[in-house]
PDB file of N, CA and C in Angstrom:
ATOM      1  N   LEU A   1       2.441  10.463   1.786  1.00  0.00           N
ATOM      2  CA  LEU A   1       3.239   9.297   2.134  1.00  0.00           C
ATOM      3  C   LEU A   1       3.574   9.313   3.623  1.00  0.00           C
ATOM      4  N   GLN A   2       3.538   8.154   4.197  1.00  0.00           N
ATOM      5  CA  GLN A   2       3.831   8.020   5.612  1.00  0.00           C
ATOM      6  C   GLN A   2       5.018   7.077   5.778  1.00  0.00           C
ATOM      7  N   GLU A   3       5.892   7.409   6.698  1.00  0.00           N
ATOM      8  CA  GLU A   3       7.070   6.584   6.958  1.00  0.00           C
ATOM      9  C   GLU A   3       6.697   5.362   7.795  1.00  0.00           C
ATOM     10  N   LEU A   4       7.547   4.353   7.750  1.00  0.00           N
ATOM     11  CA  LEU A   4       7.367   3.174   8.591  1.00  0.00           C
ATOM     12  C   LEU A   4       7.741   3.511  10.029  1.00  0.00           C
ATOM     13  N   SER A   5       7.092   2.857  10.970  1.00  0.00           N
ATOM     14  CA  SER A   5       7.426   3.060  12.382  1.00  0.00           C
ATOM     15  C   SER A   5       8.683   2.266  12.730  1.00  0.00           C
ATOM     16  N   VAL A   6       9.265   2.581  13.858  1.00  0.00           N
ATOM     17  CA  VAL A   6      10.446   1.860  14.338  1.00  0.00           C
ATOM     18  C   VAL A   6      10.110   0.380  14.516  1.00  0.00           C
ATOM     19  N   GLU A   7       8.945   0.096  15.054  1.00  0.00           N
ATOM     20  CA  GLU A   7       8.523  -1.299  15.277  1.00  0.00           C
ATOM     21  C   GLU A   7       8.327  -2.028  13.949  1.00  0.00           C
ATOM     22  N   GLN A   8       7.738  -1.379  12.964  1.00  0.00           N
ATOM     23  CA  GLN A   8       7.569  -2.006  11.653  1.00  0.00           C
ATOM     24  C   GLN A   8       8.920  -2.322  11.026  1.00  0.00           C
ATOM     25  N   LYS A   9       9.874  -1.414  11.168  1.00  0.00           N
ATOM     26  CA  LYS A   9      11.215  -1.653  10.632  1.00  0.00           C
ATOM     27  C   LYS A   9      11.886  -2.819  11.339  1.00  0.00           C
ATOM     28  N   ARG A  10      11.697  -2.917  12.645  1.00  0.00           N
ATOM     29  CA  ARG A  10      12.274  -4.034  13.404  1.00  0.00           C
ATOM     30  C   ARG A  10      11.684  -5.359  12.915  1.00  0.00           C
ATOM     31  N   GLN A  11      10.367  -5.383  12.721  1.00  0.00           N
ATOM     32  CA  GLN A  11       9.705  -6.596  12.231  1.00  0.00           C
ATOM     33  C   GLN A  11      10.209  -6.962  10.838  1.00  0.00           C
ATOM     34  N   LEU A  12      10.380  -5.966   9.993  1.00  0.00           N
ATOM     35  CA  LEU A  12      10.890  -6.218   8.645  1.00  0.00           C
ATOM     36  C   LEU A  12      12.315  -6.743   8.684  1.00  0.00           C
ATOM     37  N   ASP A  13      13.164  -6.170   9.540  1.00  0.00           N
ATOM     38  CA  ASP A  13      14.546  -6.639   9.650  1.00  0.00           C
ATOM     39  C   ASP A  13      14.590  -8.133   9.952  1.00  0.00           C
ATOM     40  N   GLU A  14      13.725  -8.584  10.839  1.00  0.00           N
ATOM     41  CA  GLU A  14      13.676 -10.007  11.186  1.00  0.00           C
ATOM     42  C   GLU A  14      13.157 -10.843  10.017  1.00  0.00           C
ATOM     43  N   ALA A  15      12.106 -10.383   9.375  1.00  0.00           N
ATOM     44  CA  ALA A  15      11.467 -11.156   8.311  1.00  0.00           C
ATOM     45  C   ALA A  15      12.287 -11.192   7.029  1.00  0.00           C
ATOM     46  N   LEU A  16      13.009 -10.121   6.727  1.00  0.00           N
ATOM     47  CA  LEU A  16      13.714 -10.028   5.445  1.00  0.00           C
ATOM     48  C   LEU A  16      14.998 -10.847   5.396  1.00  0.00           C
ATOM     49  N   ARG A  17      15.488 -11.280   6.525  1.00  0.00           N
ATOM     50  CA  ARG A  17      16.752 -12.043   6.562  1.00  0.00           C
ATOM     51  C   ARG A  17      16.729 -13.266   5.652  1.00  0.00           C
ATOM     52  N   SER A  18      15.595 -13.913   5.575  1.00  0.00           N
ATOM     53  CA  SER A  18      15.526 -15.164   4.813  1.00  0.00           C
ATOM     54  C   SER A  18      14.595 -15.037   3.613  1.00  0.00           C
ATOM     55  N   PHE A  19      14.556 -13.858   3.034  1.00  0.00           N
ATOM     56  CA  PHE A  19      13.624 -13.627   1.936  1.00  0.00           C
ATOM     57  C   PHE A  19      14.367 -13.237   0.674  1.00  0.00           C
ATOM     58  N   GLU A  20      13.834 -13.609  -0.466  1.00  0.00           N
ATOM     59  CA  GLU A  20      14.395 -13.241  -1.763  1.00  0.00           C
ATOM     60  C   GLU A  20      14.036 -11.784  -2.043  1.00  0.00           C
ATOM     61  N   LEU A  21      14.959 -10.878  -1.718  1.00  0.00           N
ATOM     62  CA  LEU A  21      14.671  -9.449  -1.759  1.00  0.00           C
ATOM     63  C   LEU A  21      14.397  -8.923  -3.167  1.00  0.00           C
ATOM     64  N   SER A  22      15.123  -9.396  -4.146  1.00  0.00           N
ATOM     65  CA  SER A  22      14.916  -8.911  -5.514  1.00  0.00           C
ATOM     66  C   SER A  22      13.502  -9.226  -5.990  1.00  0.00           C
ATOM     67  N   GLN A  23      13.022 -10.421  -5.688  1.00  0.00           N
ATOM     68  CA  GLN A  23      11.664 -10.789  -6.080  1.00  0.00           C
ATOM     69  C   GLN A  23      10.638  -9.946  -5.335  1.00  0.00           C
ATOM     70  N   LEU A  24      10.867  -9.730  -4.048  1.00  0.00           N
ATOM     71  CA  LEU A  24       9.948  -8.932  -3.248  1.00  0.00           C
ATOM     72  C   LEU A  24       9.886  -7.503  -3.766  1.00  0.00           C
ATOM     73  N   LEU A  25      11.037  -6.930  -4.083  1.00  0.00           N
ATOM     74  CA  LEU A  25      11.065  -5.571  -4.620  1.00  0.00           C
ATOM     75  C   LEU A  25      10.331  -5.490  -5.955  1.00  0.00           C
ATOM     76  N   GLY A  26      10.524  -6.495  -6.799  1.00  0.00           N
ATOM     77  CA  GLY A  26       9.818  -6.529  -8.078  1.00  0.00           C
ATOM     78  C   GLY A  26       8.312  -6.626  -7.893  1.00  0.00           C
ATOM     79  N   PHE A  27       7.908  -7.453  -6.952  1.00  0.00           N
ATOM     80  CA  PHE A  27       6.484  -7.609  -6.654  1.00  0.00           C
ATOM     81  C   PHE A  27       5.880  -6.296  -6.166  1.00  0.00           C
ATOM     82  N   LEU A  28       6.544  -5.656  -5.209  1.00  0.00           N
ATOM     83  CA  LEU A  28       6.030  -4.387  -4.674  1.00  0.00           C
ATOM     84  C   LEU A  28       6.029  -3.291  -5.735  1.00  0.00           C
ATOM     85  N   TYR A  29       7.064  -3.265  -6.573  1.00  0.00           N
ATOM     86  CA  TYR A  29       7.114  -2.282  -7.649  1.00  0.00           C
ATOM     87  C   TYR A  29       5.924  -2.477  -8.596  1.00  0.00           C
ATOM     88  N   GLU A  30       5.662  -3.740  -8.950  1.00  0.00           N
ATOM     89  CA  GLU A  30       4.527  -4.039  -9.829  1.00  0.00           C
ATOM     90  C   GLU A  30       3.223  -3.592  -9.169  1.00  0.00           C
ATOM     91  N   PHE A  31       3.097  -3.847  -7.876  1.00  0.00           N
ATOM     92  CA  PHE A  31       1.896  -3.425  -7.158  1.00  0.00           C
ATOM     93  C   PHE A  31       1.741  -1.907  -7.212  1.00  0.00           C
ATOM     94  N   ILE A  32       2.817  -1.184  -6.935  1.00  0.00           N
ATOM     95  CA  ILE A  32       2.771   0.281  -6.948  1.00  0.00           C
ATOM     96  C   ILE A  32       2.394   0.785  -8.343  1.00  0.00           C
ATOM     97  N   GLU A  33       3.010   0.237  -9.370  1.00  0.00           N
ATOM     98  CA  GLU A  33       2.730   0.665 -10.746  1.00  0.00           C
ATOM     99  C   GLU A  33       1.283   0.401 -11.134  1.00  0.00           C
ATOM    100  N   ILE A  34       0.822  -0.810 -10.872  1.00  0.00           N
ATOM    101  CA  ILE A  34      -0.519  -1.190 -11.306  1.00  0.00           C
ATOM    102  C   ILE A  34      -1.591  -0.476 -10.504  1.00  0.00           C
ATOM    103  N   HIS A  35      -1.422  -0.458  -9.204  1.00  0.00           N
ATOM    104  CA  HIS A  35      -2.532  -0.021  -8.364  1.00  0.00           C
ATOM    105  C   HIS A  35      -2.482   1.428  -7.928  1.00  0.00           C
ATOM    106  N   PHE A  36      -1.402   2.112  -8.189  1.00  0.00           N
ATOM    107  CA  PHE A  36      -1.377   3.534  -7.875  1.00  0.00           C
ATOM    108  C   PHE A  36      -1.259   4.373  -9.135  1.00  0.00           C
ATOM    109  N   ARG A  37      -0.293   4.088  -9.956  1.00  0.00           N
ATOM    110  CA  ARG A  37      -0.081   4.903 -11.157  1.00  0.00           C
ATOM    111  C   ARG A  37      -1.107   4.634 -12.236  1.00  0.00           C
ATOM    112  N   CYS A  38      -1.392   3.368 -12.481  1.00  0.00           N
ATOM    113  CA  CYS A  38      -2.265   3.010 -13.599  1.00  0.00           C
ATOM    114  C   CYS A  38      -3.739   3.003 -13.229  1.00  0.00           C
ATOM    115  N   SER A  39      -4.041   3.133 -11.973  1.00  0.00           N
ATOM    116  CA  SER A  39      -5.440   3.062 -11.537  1.00  0.00           C
ATOM    117  C   SER A  39      -5.855   4.347 -10.834  1.00  0.00           C
ATOM    118  N   LEU A  40      -5.512   5.460 -11.413  1.00  0.00           N
ATOM    119  CA  LEU A  40      -5.810   6.738 -10.780  1.00  0.00           C
ATOM    120  C   LEU A  40      -7.304   6.987 -10.648  1.00  0.00           C
ATOM    121  N   HIS A  41      -8.098   6.315 -11.448  1.00  0.00           N
ATOM    122  CA  HIS A  41      -9.544   6.495 -11.387  1.00  0.00           C
ATOM    123  C   HIS A  41     -10.168   5.710 -10.234  1.00  0.00           C
ATOM    124  N   MET A  42      -9.409   4.812  -9.620  1.00  0.00           N
ATOM    125  CA  MET A  42      -9.946   4.001  -8.524  1.00  0.00           C
ATOM    126  C   MET A  42      -9.755   4.716  -7.193  1.00  0.00           C
ATOM    127  N   TYR A  43     -10.605   4.399  -6.247  1.00  0.00           N
ATOM    128  CA  TYR A  43     -10.521   4.996  -4.919  1.00  0.00           C
ATOM    129  C   TYR A  43      -9.688   4.112  -4.006  1.00  0.00           C
ATOM    130  N   TYR A  44      -8.711   4.706  -3.360  1.00  0.00           N
ATOM    131  CA  TYR A  44      -7.905   4.022  -2.351  1.00  0.00           C
ATOM    132  C   TYR A  44      -7.913   4.862  -1.099  1.00  0.00           C
ATOM    133  N   ASN A  45      -8.142   4.236   0.020  1.00  0.00           N
ATOM    134  CA  ASN A  45      -8.067   4.903   1.310  1.00  0.00           C
ATOM    135  C   ASN A  45      -6.650   4.724   1.835  1.00  0.00           C
ATOM    136  N   ALA A  46      -5.970   5.800   2.121  1.00  0.00           N
ATOM    137  CA  ALA A  46      -4.575   5.739   2.573  1.00  0.00           C
ATOM    138  C   ALA A  46      -4.408   4.952   3.859  1.00  0.00           C
ATOM    139  N   ASN A  47      -5.483   4.812   4.629  1.00  0.00           N
ATOM    140  CA  ASN A  47      -5.400   4.091   5.901  1.00  0.00           C
ATOM    141  C   ASN A  47      -5.731   2.609   5.786  1.00  0.00           C
ATOM    142  N   TRP A  48      -6.056   2.136   4.583  1.00  0.00           N
ATOM    143  CA  TRP A  48      -6.284   0.704   4.414  1.00  0.00           C
ATOM    144  C   TRP A  48      -4.998  -0.037   4.747  1.00  0.00           C
ATOM    145  N   ARG A  49      -5.116  -1.163   5.390  1.00  0.00           N
ATOM    146  CA  ARG A  49      -3.948  -1.995   5.685  1.00  0.00           C
ATOM    147  C   ARG A  49      -3.525  -2.705   4.406  1.00  0.00           C
ATOM    148  N   LEU A  50      -2.260  -2.607   4.086  1.00  0.00           N
ATOM    149  CA  LEU A  50      -1.733  -3.157   2.839  1.00  0.00           C
ATOM    150  C   LEU A  50      -2.012  -4.646   2.716  1.00  0.00           C
ATOM    151  N   VAL A  51      -1.765  -5.400   3.770  1.00  0.00           N
ATOM    152  CA  VAL A  51      -1.927  -6.848   3.698  1.00  0.00           C
ATOM    153  C   VAL A  51      -3.389  -7.258   3.727  1.00  0.00           C
ATOM    154  N   GLU A  52      -4.096  -6.918   4.790  1.00  0.00           N
ATOM    155  CA  GLU A  52      -5.443  -7.444   4.988  1.00  0.00           C
ATOM    156  C   GLU A  52      -6.510  -6.799   4.121  1.00  0.00           C
ATOM    157  N   ASP A  53      -6.390  -5.525   3.843  1.00  0.00           N
ATOM    158  CA  ASP A  53      -7.427  -4.844   3.081  1.00  0.00           C
ATOM    159  C   ASP A  53      -7.170  -4.841   1.580  1.00  0.00           C
ATOM    160  N   VAL A  54      -5.909  -4.996   1.176  1.00  0.00           N
ATOM    161  CA  VAL A  54      -5.593  -4.853  -0.242  1.00  0.00           C
ATOM    162  C   VAL A  54      -4.998  -6.134  -0.830  1.00  0.00           C
ATOM    163  N   LEU A  55      -3.805  -6.523  -0.383  1.00  0.00           N
ATOM    164  CA  LEU A  55      -3.102  -7.633  -1.025  1.00  0.00           C
ATOM    165  C   LEU A  55      -3.856  -8.954  -0.950  1.00  0.00           C
ATOM    166  N   GLU A  56      -4.536  -9.218   0.168  1.00  0.00           N
ATOM    167  CA  GLU A  56      -5.272 -10.479   0.282  1.00  0.00           C
ATOM    168  C   GLU A  56      -6.434 -10.549  -0.701  1.00  0.00           C
ATOM    169  N   ASN A  57      -6.836  -9.417  -1.247  1.00  0.00           N
ATOM    170  CA  ASN A  57      -7.970  -9.379  -2.162  1.00  0.00           C
ATOM    171  C   ASN A  57      -7.563  -9.183  -3.617  1.00  0.00           C
ATOM    172  N   LEU A  58      -6.291  -9.313  -3.903  1.00  0.00           N
ATOM    173  CA  LEU A  58      -5.798  -9.108  -5.265  1.00  0.00           C
ATOM    174  C   LEU A  58      -5.411 -10.422  -5.918  1.00  0.00           C
ATOM    175  N   SER A  59      -5.413 -10.395  -7.218  1.00  0.00           N
ATOM    176  CA  SER A  59      -4.878 -11.527  -7.965  1.00  0.00           C
ATOM    177  C   SER A  59      -4.065 -10.951  -9.126  1.00  0.00           C
ATOM    178  N   PHE A  60      -2.793 -10.783  -8.896  1.00  0.00           N
ATOM    179  CA  PHE A  60      -1.891 -10.335  -9.952  1.00  0.00           C
ATOM    180  C   PHE A  60      -0.515 -10.893  -9.644  1.00  0.00           C
ATOM    181  N   GLY A  61       0.305 -10.974 -10.643  1.00  0.00           N
ATOM    182  CA  GLY A  61       1.663 -11.444 -10.446  1.00  0.00           C
ATOM    183  C   GLY A  61       1.708 -12.918 -10.060  1.00  0.00           C
ATOM    184  N   ASP A  62       2.799 -13.294  -9.470  1.00  0.00           N
ATOM    185  CA  ASP A  62       3.074 -14.670  -9.067  1.00  0.00           C
ATOM    186  C   ASP A  62       2.321 -14.997  -7.779  1.00  0.00           C
ATOM    187  N   PRO A  63       1.385 -15.950  -7.814  1.00  0.00           N
ATOM    188  CA  PRO A  63       0.612 -16.279  -6.611  1.00  0.00           C
ATOM    189  C   PRO A  63       1.486 -16.735  -5.436  1.00  0.00           C
ATOM    190  N   GLU A  64       2.566 -17.452  -5.735  1.00  0.00           N
ATOM    191  CA  GLU A  64       3.464 -17.909  -4.667  1.00  0.00           C
ATOM    192  C   GLU A  64       4.181 -16.722  -4.016  1.00  0.00           C
ATOM    193  N   MET A  65       4.571 -15.750  -4.831  1.00  0.00           N
ATOM    194  CA  MET A  65       5.216 -14.550  -4.291  1.00  0.00           C
ATOM    195  C   MET A  65       4.235 -13.763  -3.436  1.00  0.00           C
ATOM    196  N   LEU A  66       2.999 -13.661  -3.881  1.00  0.00           N
ATOM    197  CA  LEU A  66       1.973 -12.970  -3.100  1.00  0.00           C
ATOM    198  C   LEU A  66       1.806 -13.653  -1.743  1.00  0.00           C
ATOM    199  N   LYS A  67       1.734 -14.971  -1.745  1.00  0.00           N
ATOM    200  CA  LYS A  67       1.572 -15.730  -0.498  1.00  0.00           C
ATOM    201  C   LYS A  67       2.746 -15.471   0.450  1.00  0.00           C
ATOM    202  N   LYS A  68       3.971 -15.535  -0.064  1.00  0.00           N
ATOM    203  CA  LYS A  68       5.157 -15.291   0.768  1.00  0.00           C
ATOM    204  C   LYS A  68       5.170 -13.861   1.312  1.00  0.00           C
ATOM    205  N   THR A  69       4.781 -12.917   0.472  1.00  0.00           N
ATOM    206  CA  THR A  69       4.753 -11.513   0.881  1.00  0.00           C
ATOM    207  C   THR A  69       3.753 -11.309   2.008  1.00  0.00           C
ATOM    208  N   LEU A  70       2.590 -11.912   1.881  1.00  0.00           N
ATOM    209  CA  LEU A  70       1.569 -11.796   2.918  1.00  0.00           C
ATOM    210  C   LEU A  70       2.059 -12.348   4.254  1.00  0.00           C
ATOM    211  N   GLU A  71       2.904 -13.370   4.203  1.00  0.00           N
ATOM    212  CA  GLU A  71       3.406 -13.999   5.423  1.00  0.00           C
ATOM    213  C   GLU A  71       4.412 -13.127   6.162  1.00  0.00           C
ATOM    214  N   ILE A  72       5.189 -12.332   5.455  1.00  0.00           N
ATOM    215  CA  ILE A  72       6.281 -11.606   6.131  1.00  0.00           C
ATOM    216  C   ILE A  72       5.990 -10.151   6.463  1.00  0.00           C
ATOM    217  N   LEU A  73       5.056  -9.517   5.757  1.00  0.00           N
ATOM    218  CA  LEU A  73       4.841  -8.093   5.999  1.00  0.00           C
ATOM    219  C   LEU A  73       4.117  -7.845   7.312  1.00  0.00           C
ATOM    220  N   PRO A  74       4.554  -6.840   8.060  1.00  0.00           N
ATOM    221  CA  PRO A  74       3.816  -6.459   9.265  1.00  0.00           C
ATOM    222  C   PRO A  74       2.373  -6.127   8.902  1.00  0.00           C
ATOM    223  N   ARG A  75       1.438  -6.596   9.686  1.00  0.00           N
ATOM    224  CA  ARG A  75       0.016  -6.472   9.377  1.00  0.00           C
ATOM    225  C   ARG A  75      -0.491  -5.027   9.447  1.00  0.00           C
ATOM    226  N   ASP A  76       0.225  -4.152  10.125  1.00  0.00           N
ATOM    227  CA  ASP A  76      -0.287  -2.791  10.307  1.00  0.00           C
ATOM    228  C   ASP A  76       0.252  -1.782   9.296  1.00  0.00           C
ATOM    229  N   ILE A  77       1.001  -2.230   8.301  1.00  0.00           N
ATOM    230  CA  ILE A  77       1.464  -1.313   7.255  1.00  0.00           C
ATOM    231  C   ILE A  77       0.259  -0.896   6.413  1.00  0.00           C
ATOM    232  N   THR A  78       0.147   0.406   6.181  1.00  0.00           N
ATOM    233  CA  THR A  78      -0.986   0.938   5.431  1.00  0.00           C
ATOM    234  C   THR A  78      -0.587   1.278   3.995  1.00  0.00           C
ATOM    235  N   LEU A  79      -1.583   1.549   3.170  1.00  0.00           N
ATOM    236  CA  LEU A  79      -1.301   1.942   1.789  1.00  0.00           C
ATOM    237  C   LEU A  79      -0.416   3.182   1.731  1.00  0.00           C
ATOM    238  N   SER A  80      -0.596   4.085   2.673  1.00  0.00           N
ATOM    239  CA  SER A  80       0.202   5.312   2.663  1.00  0.00           C
ATOM    240  C   SER A  80       1.673   5.040   2.967  1.00  0.00           C
ATOM    241  N   GLN A  81       1.992   3.829   3.403  1.00  0.00           N
ATOM    242  CA  GLN A  81       3.377   3.461   3.717  1.00  0.00           C
ATOM    243  C   GLN A  81       4.002   2.564   2.645  1.00  0.00           C
ATOM    244  N   THR A  82       3.285   2.281   1.574  1.00  0.00           N
ATOM    245  CA  THR A  82       3.763   1.332   0.570  1.00  0.00           C
ATOM    246  C   THR A  82       5.084   1.762  -0.068  1.00  0.00           C
ATOM    247  N   VAL A  83       5.192   3.020  -0.449  1.00  0.00           N
ATOM    248  CA  VAL A  83       6.436   3.494  -1.065  1.00  0.00           C
ATOM    249  C   VAL A  83       7.567   3.484  -0.040  1.00  0.00           C
ATOM    250  N   SER A  84       7.281   3.858   1.192  1.00  0.00           N
ATOM    251  CA  SER A  84       8.287   3.810   2.254  1.00  0.00           C
ATOM    252  C   SER A  84       8.749   2.373   2.497  1.00  0.00           C
ATOM    253  N   LEU A  85       7.820   1.433   2.401  1.00  0.00           N
ATOM    254  CA  LEU A  85       8.168   0.013   2.538  1.00  0.00           C
ATOM    255  C   LEU A  85       9.128  -0.399   1.445  1.00  0.00           C
ATOM    256  N   TRP A  86       8.807  -0.051   0.205  1.00  0.00           N
ATOM    257  CA  TRP A  86       9.671  -0.395  -0.925  1.00  0.00           C
ATOM    258  C   TRP A  86      11.069   0.212  -0.738  1.00  0.00           C
ATOM    259  N   LYS A  87      11.108   1.492  -0.365  1.00  0.00           N
ATOM    260  CA  LYS A  87      12.399   2.166  -0.146  1.00  0.00           C
ATOM    261  C   LYS A  87      13.192   1.495   0.973  1.00  0.00           C
ATOM    262  N   TYR A  88      12.510   1.125   2.048  1.00  0.00           N
ATOM    263  CA  TYR A  88      13.189   0.493   3.173  1.00  0.00           C
ATOM    264  C   TYR A  88      13.841  -0.825   2.741  1.00  0.00           C
ATOM    265  N   ILE A  89      13.131  -1.602   1.931  1.00  0.00           N
ATOM    266  CA  ILE A  89      13.681  -2.874   1.473  1.00  0.00           C
ATOM    267  C   ILE A  89      14.867  -2.643   0.540  1.00  0.00           C
ATOM    268  N   VAL A  90      14.787  -1.609  -0.302  1.00  0.00           N
ATOM    269  CA  VAL A  90      15.927  -1.268  -1.172  1.00  0.00           C
ATOM    270  C   VAL A  90      17.151  -0.930  -0.316  1.00  0.00           C
ATOM    271  N   HIS A  91      16.972  -0.100   0.707  1.00  0.00           N
ATOM    272  CA  HIS A  91      18.083   0.268   1.589  1.00  0.00           C
ATOM    273  C   HIS A  91      18.601  -0.946   2.358  1.00  0.00           C
ATOM    274  N   TYR A  92      17.712  -1.818   2.773  1.00  0.00           N
ATOM    275  CA  TYR A  92      18.099  -3.049   3.475  1.00  0.00           C
ATOM    276  C   TYR A  92      18.966  -3.920   2.566  1.00  0.00           C
ATOM    277  N   GLN A  93      18.555  -4.062   1.316  1.00  0.00           N
ATOM    278  CA  GLN A  93      19.317  -4.849   0.346  1.00  0.00           C
ATOM    279  C   GLN A  93      20.698  -4.229   0.103  1.00  0.00           C
ATOM    280  N   GLU A  94      20.749  -2.912  -0.025  1.00  0.00           N
ATOM    281  CA  GLU A  94      22.036  -2.234  -0.220  1.00  0.00           C
ATOM    282  C   GLU A  94      22.947  -2.412   0.987  1.00  0.00           C
ATOM    283  N   LYS A  95      22.385  -2.362   2.179  1.00  0.00           N
ATOM    284  CA  LYS A  95      23.157  -2.584   3.401  1.00  0.00           C
ATOM    285  C   LYS A  95      23.766  -3.987   3.393  1.00  0.00           C
ATOM    286  N   LEU A  96      22.983  -4.978   3.010  1.00  0.00           N
ATOM    287  CA  LEU A  96      23.495  -6.353   2.934  1.00  0.00           C
ATOM    288  C   LEU A  96      24.624  -6.455   1.905  1.00  0.00           C
ATOM    289  N   ARG A  97      24.471  -5.770   0.779  1.00  0.00           N
ATOM    290  CA  ARG A  97      25.525  -5.792  -0.255  1.00  0.00           C
ATOM    291  C   ARG A  97      26.820  -5.179   0.274  1.00  0.00           C
ATOM    292  N   ARG A  98      26.699  -4.038   0.968  1.00  0.00           N
ATOM    293  CA  ARG A  98      27.899  -3.383   1.522  1.00  0.00           C
ATOM    294  C   ARG A  98      28.600  -4.277   2.538  1.00  0.00           C
ATOM    295  N   GLU A  99      27.814  -5.008   3.313  1.00  0.00           N
ATOM    296  CA  GLU A  99      28.375  -5.892   4.343  1.00  0.00           C
ATOM    297  C   GLU A  99      28.842  -7.220   3.763  1.00  0.00           C
ATOM    298  N   GLY A 100      28.573  -7.460   2.494  1.00  0.00           N
ATOM    299  CA  GLY A 100      28.959  -8.717   1.869  1.00  0.00           C
ATOM    300  C   GLY A 100      28.049  -9.874   2.240  1.00  0.00           C
ATOM    301  N   ASN A 101      26.842  -9.571   2.718  1.00  0.00           N
ATOM    302  CA  ASN A 101      25.909 -10.612   3.153  1.00  0.00           C
ATOM    303  C   ASN A 101      24.770 -10.848   2.170  1.00  0.00           C
ATOM    304  N   PHE A 102      24.820 -10.201   1.022  1.00  0.00           N
ATOM    305  CA  PHE A 102      23.738 -10.346   0.056  1.00  0.00           C
ATOM    306  C   PHE A 102      24.185 -11.269  -1.056  1.00  0.00           C
ATOM    307  N   ILE A 103      23.430 -12.327  -1.251  1.00  0.00           N
ATOM    308  CA  ILE A 103      23.706 -13.268  -2.329  1.00  0.00           C
ATOM    309  C   ILE A 103      22.514 -13.251  -3.261  1.00  0.00           C
ATOM    310  N   GLU A 104      22.762 -12.859  -4.505  1.00  0.00           N
ATOM    311  CA  GLU A 104      21.683 -12.820  -5.482  1.00  0.00           C
ATOM    312  C   GLU A 104      21.476 -14.230  -6.011  1.00  0.00           C
ATOM    313  N   ARG A 105      20.260 -14.703  -5.896  1.00  0.00           N
ATOM    314  CA  ARG A 105      19.943 -16.062  -6.346  1.00  0.00           C
ATOM    315  C   ARG A 105      19.735 -16.066  -7.835  1.00  0.00           C
ATOM    316  N   LYS A 106      20.262 -17.092  -8.475  1.00  0.00           N
ATOM    317  CA  LYS A 106      20.071 -17.268  -9.916  1.00  0.00           C
ATOM    318  C   LYS A 106      18.744 -17.971 -10.151  1.00  0.00           C
ATOM    319  N   LYS A 107      18.059 -17.552 -11.199  1.00  0.00           N
ATOM    320  CA  LYS A 107      16.769 -18.192 -11.524  1.00  0.00           C
ATOM    321  C   LYS A 107      17.003 -19.409 -12.373  1.00  0.00           C
TER     322      LYS A 107
END
């Protein structure tokens, strides 16, 4: 596993301000479960870019959520950073909750 860079975190901070974090976390969790845990027989290169090499070529989950995710994620995040990305968003969401700036949207 590789951590996110300072620049990637800065880009995420800007992009996540106006994003439905719970949906994004669910989407990334589903991606991690399906494509890492359940597909151990498949080959993944840790240096593949998450957005351009992997997500743009997938069809799973909510297509609208996939489209939104592709728009906000830094293009240089790699597969080896996927879990770090998920953790960073969880911590970002918790920070917003502590500050009283997180509003959970009702479906």
